Amino acid sequence: MTADDSYDRIDDDDYPAYTMGRAAEMLGTTQGFLRAIGEARLITPLRSAGGHRRYSRYQLRIAARARELVDGGTPIEAACRIVVLEDQLEEAQRINTEYRRAAESAKPTTPA
């Protein structure tokens, strides 16, 4: 990927733009915390050509939610599970809304 390609992806939530150090700094946490949630398989950072972890904005939002739970006293493993379940629920609700809209638009209209 060239520098010009990366400019095209600047608004892409899934683009791994942040190094581990920068991600930890942005979240106000430690690199160890990011490693721990990686080991718990909450997020899987991509690796640069040199093998360094790289995080996307989406992954940082997930990590921030996990950190919020951990800061509130939730064990890290439980926090990771909660975040996964919250993410699954959000996706299910989005799909359900799409199905409802499709069902509403498919209803025949009755003549007045």
Protein backbone atom coordinates (compact mmCIF):
# COMPACT_ATOMS: atom_id res chain seq x y z
CA MET A 1 0.00 0.00 0.00
CA THR A 2 1.37 3.36 -0.96
CA ALA A 3 1.01 6.63 0.93
CA ASP A 4 -1.55 7.72 -1.66
CA ASP A 5 -3.64 4.60 -0.92
CA SER A 6 -3.65 5.37 2.79
CA TYR A 7 -5.08 8.86 2.14
CA ASP A 8 -8.05 7.22 0.46
CA ARG A 9 -8.69 5.18 3.62
CA ILE A 10 -8.42 8.01 6.14
CA ASP A 11 -12.14 7.81 6.99
CA ASP A 12 -12.19 4.00 7.06
CA ASP A 13 -13.02 2.80 10.60
CA ASP A 14 -11.33 -0.53 9.89
CA TYR A 15 -8.03 0.86 8.61
CA PRO A 16 -5.22 -0.05 11.06
CA ALA A 17 -3.79 3.44 11.40
CA TYR A 18 -2.62 3.51 15.02
CA THR A 19 0.46 1.99 16.59
CA MET A 20 0.20 0.31 19.95
CA GLY A 21 1.86 3.23 21.70
CA ARG A 22 -0.42 5.78 20.08
CA ALA A 23 -3.51 3.64 20.74
CA ALA A 24 -2.60 3.29 24.42
CA GLU A 25 -1.99 7.02 24.66
CA MET A 26 -5.33 7.84 23.02
CA LEU A 27 -7.17 5.50 25.39
CA GLY A 28 -5.26 6.64 28.45
CA THR A 29 -4.22 3.08 29.20
CA THR A 30 -1.13 0.90 29.00
CA GLN A 31 0.19 -1.20 26.18
CA GLY A 32 -0.20 -4.14 28.56
CA PHE A 33 -3.95 -3.54 28.65
CA LEU A 34 -4.08 -3.68 24.85
CA ARG A 35 -2.07 -6.90 24.89
CA ALA A 36 -4.42 -8.35 27.52
CA ILE A 37 -7.58 -7.65 25.52
CA GLY A 38 -5.80 -9.07 22.49
CA GLU A 39 -5.00 -12.24 24.42
CA ALA A 40 -8.66 -12.39 25.52
CA ARG A 41 -9.47 -12.19 21.78
CA LEU A 42 -11.61 -9.09 22.12
CA ILE A 43 -9.64 -7.43 19.34
CA THR A 44 -7.00 -8.76 16.99
CA PRO A 45 -4.71 -5.99 15.81
CA LEU A 46 -3.23 -6.25 12.37
CA ARG A 47 0.54 -6.43 12.07
CA SER A 48 2.75 -4.08 10.12
CA ALA A 49 5.39 -5.45 7.78
CA GLY A 50 7.79 -5.21 10.74
CA GLY A 51 5.44 -7.20 12.99
CA HIS A 52 4.18 -4.25 15.06
CA ARG A 53 0.57 -4.16 16.22
CA ARG A 54 -1.69 -1.68 14.41
CA TYR A 55 -5.19 -0.71 15.56
CA SER A 56 -8.21 0.69 13.75
CA ARG A 57 -10.63 3.28 15.08
CA TYR A 58 -13.27 0.57 15.44
CA GLN A 59 -10.87 -1.50 17.58
CA LEU A 60 -10.08 1.56 19.69
CA ARG A 61 -13.79 2.09 20.39
CA ILE A 62 -14.09 -1.55 21.47
CA ALA A 63 -10.98 -1.22 23.66
CA ALA A 64 -12.31 2.00 25.20
CA ARG A 65 -15.55 0.25 26.20
CA ALA A 66 -13.58 -2.62 27.75
CA ARG A 67 -11.43 -0.13 29.64
CA GLU A 68 -14.55 1.62 30.95
CA LEU A 69 -15.84 -1.68 32.34
CA VAL A 70 -12.46 -2.63 33.84
CA ASP A 71 -12.14 0.80 35.43
CA GLY A 72 -15.55 0.16 37.00
CA GLY A 73 -14.28 -3.02 38.65
CA THR A 74 -15.21 -5.67 36.10
CA PRO A 75 -12.54 -8.35 35.60
CA ILE A 76 -10.92 -8.07 32.18
CA GLU A 77 -12.22 -11.44 30.93
CA ALA A 78 -15.78 -10.53 31.92
CA ALA A 79 -15.41 -7.05 30.41
CA CYS A 80 -14.32 -8.58 27.12
CA ARG A 81 -17.29 -10.94 27.11
CA ILE A 82 -19.69 -8.09 27.89
CA VAL A 83 -18.29 -6.02 25.03
CA VAL A 84 -18.67 -8.94 22.61
CA LEU A 85 -22.27 -9.48 23.71
CA GLU A 86 -23.04 -5.76 23.41
CA ASP A 87 -21.61 -5.75 19.90
CA GLN A 88 -23.65 -8.82 18.93
CA LEU A 89 -26.82 -7.27 20.36
CA GLU A 90 -26.25 -4.05 18.42
CA GLU A 91 -25.78 -6.00 15.20
CA ALA A 92 -28.92 -8.09 15.85
CA GLN A 93 -30.94 -4.95 16.51
CA ARG A 94 -29.65 -3.38 13.29
CA ILE A 95 -30.64 -6.46 11.28
CA ASN A 96 -34.04 -6.58 12.99
CA THR A 97 -34.66 -2.94 12.04
CA GLU A 98 -33.75 -3.72 8.43
CA TYR A 99 -36.18 -6.65 8.37
CA ARG A 100 -38.97 -4.51 9.82
CA ARG A 101 -38.39 -1.80 7.20
CA ALA A 102 -38.40 -4.39 4.43
CA ALA A 103 -41.61 -5.95 5.77
CA GLU A 104 -43.28 -2.53 6.01
CA SER A 105 -42.32 -1.60 2.45
CA ALA A 106 -43.52 -4.99 1.17
CA LYS A 107 -47.01 -4.62 2.67
CA PRO A 108 -49.62 -4.02 0.01
CA THR A 109 -51.38 -0.70 0.28
CA THR A 110 -55.15 -0.81 0.57
CA PRO A 111 -57.15 1.45 -1.69
CA ALA A 112 -58.88 4.32 0.06
